[in-house]
Protein backbone atom coordinates (compact mmCIF):
# COMPACT_ATOMS: atom_id res chain seq x y z
CA UNK A 1 34.57 -192.41 -156.84
CA UNK A 2 31.81 -193.54 -154.18
CA UNK A 3 33.22 -190.54 -151.59
CA UNK A 4 32.41 -187.83 -154.31
CA UNK A 5 28.76 -189.36 -154.94
CA UNK A 6 28.18 -188.83 -151.50
CA UNK A 7 29.55 -185.41 -151.16
CA UNK A 8 26.42 -182.93 -149.54
CA UNK A 9 27.26 -179.15 -149.75
CA UNK A 10 26.35 -177.22 -146.18
CA UNK A 11 23.87 -174.45 -146.61
CA UNK A 12 27.00 -171.80 -146.91
CA UNK A 13 28.64 -173.81 -149.57
CA UNK A 14 24.93 -174.00 -151.48
CA UNK A 15 24.48 -170.48 -150.73
CA UNK A 16 28.08 -169.34 -151.78
CA UNK A 17 27.98 -171.70 -155.15
CA UNK A 18 24.38 -170.23 -156.33
CA UNK A 19 25.86 -166.73 -155.76
CA UNK A 20 29.07 -167.46 -157.99
CA UNK A 21 26.58 -168.55 -160.53
CA UNK A 22 24.09 -166.02 -160.24
CA UNK A 23 26.97 -163.14 -159.92
CA UNK A 24 28.38 -165.23 -163.57
CA UNK A 25 25.52 -164.74 -165.38
CA UNK A 26 24.19 -160.97 -163.78
CA UNK A 27 27.40 -159.67 -165.48
CA UNK A 28 26.75 -161.39 -169.25
CA UNK A 29 23.20 -159.38 -168.73
CA UNK A 30 24.71 -156.28 -167.71
CA UNK A 31 27.34 -155.85 -170.30
CA UNK A 32 25.27 -157.59 -172.97
CA UNK A 33 28.24 -159.78 -173.65
CA UNK A 34 28.43 -163.91 -173.57
CA UNK A 35 32.42 -163.27 -173.19
CA UNK A 36 33.65 -165.64 -170.90
CA UNK A 37 37.86 -165.64 -169.36
CA UNK A 38 40.49 -168.28 -168.87
CA UNK A 39 40.06 -168.06 -165.18
CA UNK A 40 37.49 -166.65 -162.40
CA UNK A 41 34.28 -165.97 -161.84
CA UNK A 42 33.36 -165.37 -165.80
CA UNK A 43 35.36 -169.15 -166.50
CA UNK A 44 33.00 -171.02 -169.23
CA UNK A 45 32.31 -173.49 -166.64
CA UNK A 46 33.30 -173.95 -163.13
CA UNK A 47 34.08 -177.20 -160.87
CA UNK A 48 33.22 -177.94 -156.98
CA UNK A 49 36.26 -175.98 -155.92
CA UNK A 50 35.19 -172.94 -158.44
CA UNK A 51 31.60 -172.81 -156.50
CA UNK A 52 32.76 -173.72 -153.11
CA UNK A 53 36.47 -172.85 -152.43
CA UNK A 54 37.33 -170.11 -150.24
CA UNK A 55 37.71 -167.84 -153.17
CA UNK A 56 37.08 -166.92 -156.78
CA UNK A 57 36.76 -163.15 -157.93
CA UNK A 58 36.38 -161.23 -161.33
CA UNK A 59 39.59 -160.94 -163.44
CA UNK A 60 40.60 -157.42 -164.42
CA UNK A 61 38.98 -157.74 -168.41
CA UNK A 62 36.04 -158.73 -166.43
CA UNK A 63 35.92 -155.67 -164.36
CA UNK A 64 36.68 -153.52 -166.87
CA UNK A 65 33.93 -154.95 -169.69
CA UNK A 66 31.36 -154.41 -166.42
CA UNK A 67 32.74 -150.76 -166.27
CA UNK A 68 32.99 -149.79 -169.70
CA UNK A 69 29.55 -151.00 -169.84
CA UNK A 70 28.07 -149.47 -166.94
CA UNK A 71 29.97 -146.35 -167.97
CA UNK A 72 31.65 -146.66 -164.47
CA UNK A 73 35.62 -146.34 -165.24
CA UNK A 74 37.68 -145.15 -162.51
CA UNK A 75 37.67 -141.78 -163.74
CA UNK A 76 33.75 -141.53 -164.03
CA UNK A 77 33.50 -143.08 -160.79
CA UNK A 78 36.16 -140.53 -159.27
CA UNK A 79 34.55 -137.62 -161.02
CA UNK A 80 30.68 -138.47 -159.85
CA UNK A 81 32.11 -138.64 -155.98
CA UNK A 82 33.85 -135.38 -156.41
CA UNK A 83 30.47 -133.90 -157.55
CA UNK A 84 28.36 -135.44 -154.91
CA UNK A 85 30.87 -134.36 -152.35
CA UNK A 86 30.70 -130.50 -153.69
CA UNK A 87 26.91 -130.75 -153.35
């Protein structure tokens, strides 16, 4: 309707939306995958609520794919932290 045509996001909302789109695309680059999820930051498409709402995050599967692609499973990260602490 007419009220939707007049929607003007604030600078903060625009920044949030751009950050979410950037995070989505960076995930694709880092994982080397075009995979999408049914929900969260790796959905195939976003609506205004996804882009401007108060909360949107990576799903557990997206986090696991990212950690696997970067070689940063929880165990590997803990081992690295211990090595750094021991030095």
